[in-house]
Amino acid sequence: MDITEVADRLAIAETLALYCRGIDRCDAERLAAVFTPDAQIDYGDGAKPIAETIPGLMAGLGSMRLTQHNISNTVMRLSGETARAETNCVALHIIPTPDGEIELVVGGRYLDRLVKLEGRWRIAERLYVMDWNRTSPATMQLAGGLFDGLQRRGARVPEDPSVAWWEEG
């Protein structure tokens, strides 16, 4: 593996992580930046253009109190300016209901085709494969003991603490 391939692999890993950041902060602009303008996304209900997919994602995820997408175990195959990647994902969703919050945890994989455009790796095609899921009443604690001192909480943009933190640098 030469230094160019190492750099490309690191750049692809960052693109995949930036997808998670855009999803979890409900930041449509940052989310769109990880895809090619003509990207096709298929979360299991048929391929749709990215321009059509993002508004639906923002509406659905925006109705949840929070989400956290954790990715791992990425296998990549690079070929010049194109690549394929399979990445495991476990995503937590906290969903408000009239009877209290629900924790939905979904495990699956992203099957991505990426292209290098203007020096940046972007997702041109994404297929999502769901492997498992679990739903239960939410058990998150916000007060008492250790939690009394943990007052900085994640949120959607622009309220999330990371927005101001990144602007400082």
Protein backbone atom coordinates (compact mmCIF):
# COMPACT_ATOMS: atom_id res chain seq x y z
CA MET A 1 0.00 0.00 0.00
CA ASP A 2 1.52 3.34 -0.99
CA ILE A 3 1.09 6.72 0.75
CA THR A 4 -1.59 7.84 -1.72
CA GLU A 5 -3.75 4.82 -0.91
CA VAL A 6 -3.27 5.39 2.81
CA ALA A 7 -4.32 9.03 2.40
CA ASP A 8 -7.35 8.00 0.33
CA ARG A 9 -8.40 5.45 2.93
CA LEU A 10 -8.19 8.07 5.69
CA ALA A 11 -10.16 10.54 3.59
CA ILE A 12 -12.87 7.94 2.91
CA ALA A 13 -13.06 7.14 6.65
CA GLU A 14 -13.58 10.84 7.37
CA THR A 15 -16.31 11.08 4.72
CA LEU A 16 -18.13 8.18 6.41
CA ALA A 17 -17.74 9.82 9.84
CA LEU A 18 -18.98 13.17 8.50
CA TYR A 19 -22.11 11.39 7.26
CA CYS A 20 -22.80 10.31 10.86
CA ARG A 21 -22.18 13.84 12.14
CA GLY A 22 -24.58 15.32 9.58
CA ILE A 23 -27.27 12.77 10.40
CA ASP A 24 -26.95 13.09 14.18
CA ARG A 25 -26.92 16.88 14.21
CA CYS A 26 -29.73 17.04 11.59
CA ASP A 27 -27.47 19.30 9.52
CA ALA A 28 -28.76 19.01 5.96
CA GLU A 29 -25.96 21.13 4.47
CA ARG A 30 -23.15 19.09 6.03
CA LEU A 31 -24.93 15.87 5.16
CA ALA A 32 -25.29 16.85 1.50
CA ALA A 33 -21.55 17.64 1.35
CA VAL A 34 -20.60 13.96 1.79
CA PHE A 35 -22.56 12.91 -1.31
CA THR A 36 -22.11 13.59 -5.00
CA PRO A 37 -24.83 15.89 -6.38
CA ASP A 38 -26.33 12.95 -8.32
CA ALA A 39 -25.96 10.34 -5.54
CA GLN A 40 -28.57 7.60 -5.19
CA ILE A 41 -29.52 6.41 -1.71
CA ASP A 42 -31.44 3.23 -0.95
CA TYR A 43 -32.24 2.67 2.73
CA GLY A 44 -34.24 -0.41 1.76
CA ASP A 45 -37.27 1.23 0.18
CA GLY A 46 -35.82 1.84 -3.28
CA ALA A 47 -33.13 4.13 -4.66
CA LYS A 48 -33.84 7.86 -4.48
CA PRO A 49 -31.79 10.90 -5.47
CA ILE A 50 -29.94 12.60 -2.62
CA ALA A 51 -31.87 15.85 -3.17
CA GLU A 52 -35.08 13.93 -2.43
CA THR A 53 -33.61 11.84 0.41
CA ILE A 54 -32.19 14.57 2.66
CA PRO A 55 -35.47 16.45 3.32
CA GLY A 56 -37.14 13.16 4.30
CA LEU A 57 -34.25 12.28 6.61
CA MET A 58 -34.35 15.69 8.27
CA ALA A 59 -38.10 15.43 8.86
CA GLY A 60 -37.93 11.90 10.26
CA LEU A 61 -34.83 12.31 12.37
CA GLY A 62 -35.82 15.82 13.42
CA SER A 63 -38.89 14.39 15.13
CA MET A 64 -36.60 12.30 17.37
CA ARG A 65 -34.98 13.78 20.47
CA LEU A 66 -31.59 12.44 19.43
CA THR A 67 -29.74 9.90 17.37
CA GLN A 68 -26.22 8.55 17.52
CA HIS A 69 -24.75 6.62 14.60
CA ASN A 70 -21.59 4.68 15.44
CA ILE A 71 -19.60 3.18 12.58
CA SER A 72 -16.88 0.54 12.64
CA ASN A 73 -15.25 -2.28 10.70
CA THR A 74 -14.95 -0.63 7.32
CA VAL A 75 -13.64 -2.78 4.47
CA MET A 76 -12.56 -0.77 1.41
CA ARG A 77 -11.50 -1.57 -2.12
CA LEU A 78 -9.96 1.32 -4.04
CA SER A 79 -9.45 1.54 -7.77
CA GLY A 80 -8.06 4.90 -8.85
CA GLU A 81 -10.70 7.59 -8.33
CA THR A 82 -13.43 5.12 -7.27
CA ALA A 83 -13.89 2.94 -4.22
CA ARG A 84 -16.31 0.56 -2.57
CA ALA A 85 -16.77 0.34 1.19
CA GLU A 86 -18.81 -1.82 3.55
CA THR A 87 -19.18 -0.24 6.99
CA ASN A 88 -20.95 -1.57 10.09
CA CYS A 89 -23.26 0.86 11.87
CA VAL A 90 -25.13 0.73 15.17
CA ALA A 91 -27.56 3.63 15.54
CA LEU A 92 -29.47 4.71 18.64
CA HIS A 93 -32.70 6.66 18.16
CA ILE A 94 -34.60 8.28 21.07
CA ILE A 95 -38.20 8.63 19.92
CA PRO A 96 -40.81 10.62 21.86
CA THR A 97 -44.23 8.97 22.18
CA PRO A 98 -47.34 9.89 24.19
CA ASP A 99 -46.41 7.10 26.64
CA GLY A 100 -42.77 8.17 27.11
CA GLU A 101 -39.61 7.88 25.09
CA ILE A 102 -38.58 4.75 23.20
CA GLU A 103 -35.02 3.62 22.46
CA LEU A 104 -34.71 2.12 19.00
CA VAL A 105 -31.29 0.60 18.31
CA VAL A 106 -30.61 -0.61 14.79
CA GLY A 107 -27.57 -2.54 13.58
CA GLY A 108 -26.71 -2.73 9.94
CA ARG A 109 -24.24 -1.97 7.20
CA TYR A 110 -23.68 0.74 4.63
CA LEU A 111 -22.61 -0.49 1.19
CA ASP A 112 -21.10 2.56 -0.48
CA ARG A 113 -19.69 3.37 -3.87
CA LEU A 114 -17.49 6.45 -3.58
CA VAL A 115 -15.81 8.72 -6.10
CA LYS A 116 -13.05 11.28 -5.75
CA LEU A 117 -14.32 14.66 -6.99
CA GLU A 118 -12.17 17.78 -6.89
CA GLY A 119 -9.81 16.04 -4.48
CA ARG A 120 -12.54 14.92 -2.03
CA TRP A 121 -14.08 11.50 -1.58
CA ARG A 122 -17.87 11.51 -1.76
CA ILE A 123 -20.56 8.86 -1.63
CA ALA A 124 -22.12 8.31 -5.07
CA GLU A 125 -24.33 5.37 -4.11
CA ARG A 126 -25.41 4.00 -0.74
CA LEU A 127 -27.32 0.82 0.02
CA TYR A 128 -28.33 0.20 3.62
CA VAL A 129 -28.63 -3.36 4.93
CA MET A 130 -30.43 -3.81 8.27
CA ASP A 131 -29.09 -6.78 10.23
CA TRP A 132 -30.96 -6.40 13.53
CA ASN A 133 -32.92 -4.01 15.73
CA ARG A 134 -34.17 -3.65 19.28
CA THR A 135 -36.91 -1.43 20.68
CA SER A 136 -37.52 -0.77 24.37
CA PRO A 137 -38.69 1.96 26.73
CA ALA A 138 -35.97 4.61 27.14
CA THR A 139 -33.79 4.24 30.23
CA MET A 140 -31.72 7.41 29.86
CA GLN A 141 -31.06 9.29 33.11
CA LEU A 142 -30.41 13.02 33.16
CA ALA A 143 -30.32 13.66 36.89
CA GLY A 144 -28.96 12.10 40.04
CA GLY A 145 -25.46 11.02 41.02
CA LEU A 146 -22.88 11.43 38.28
CA PHE A 147 -25.48 12.79 35.87
CA ASP A 148 -26.01 15.96 37.95
CA GLY A 149 -22.56 17.13 36.83
CA LEU A 150 -23.01 16.27 33.15
CA GLN A 151 -24.99 19.27 31.97
CA ARG A 152 -23.65 19.65 28.42
CA ARG A 153 -26.05 17.74 26.22
CA GLY A 154 -26.01 16.87 22.54
CA ALA A 155 -28.61 18.56 20.35
CA ARG A 156 -29.45 19.26 16.74
CA VAL A 157 -27.81 22.20 14.94
CA PRO A 158 -27.45 25.03 15.72
CA GLU A 159 -27.84 24.32 19.47
CA ASP A 160 -25.32 21.47 19.66
CA PRO A 161 -22.16 22.40 21.61
CA SER A 162 -19.97 21.25 18.70
CA VAL A 163 -21.20 24.12 16.50
CA ALA A 164 -19.53 26.80 18.65
CA TRP A 165 -16.54 24.53 19.37
CA TRP A 166 -15.73 24.14 15.66
CA GLU A 167 -16.23 27.87 15.02
CA GLU A 168 -13.50 28.65 17.60
CA GLY A 169 -10.82 26.79 15.66
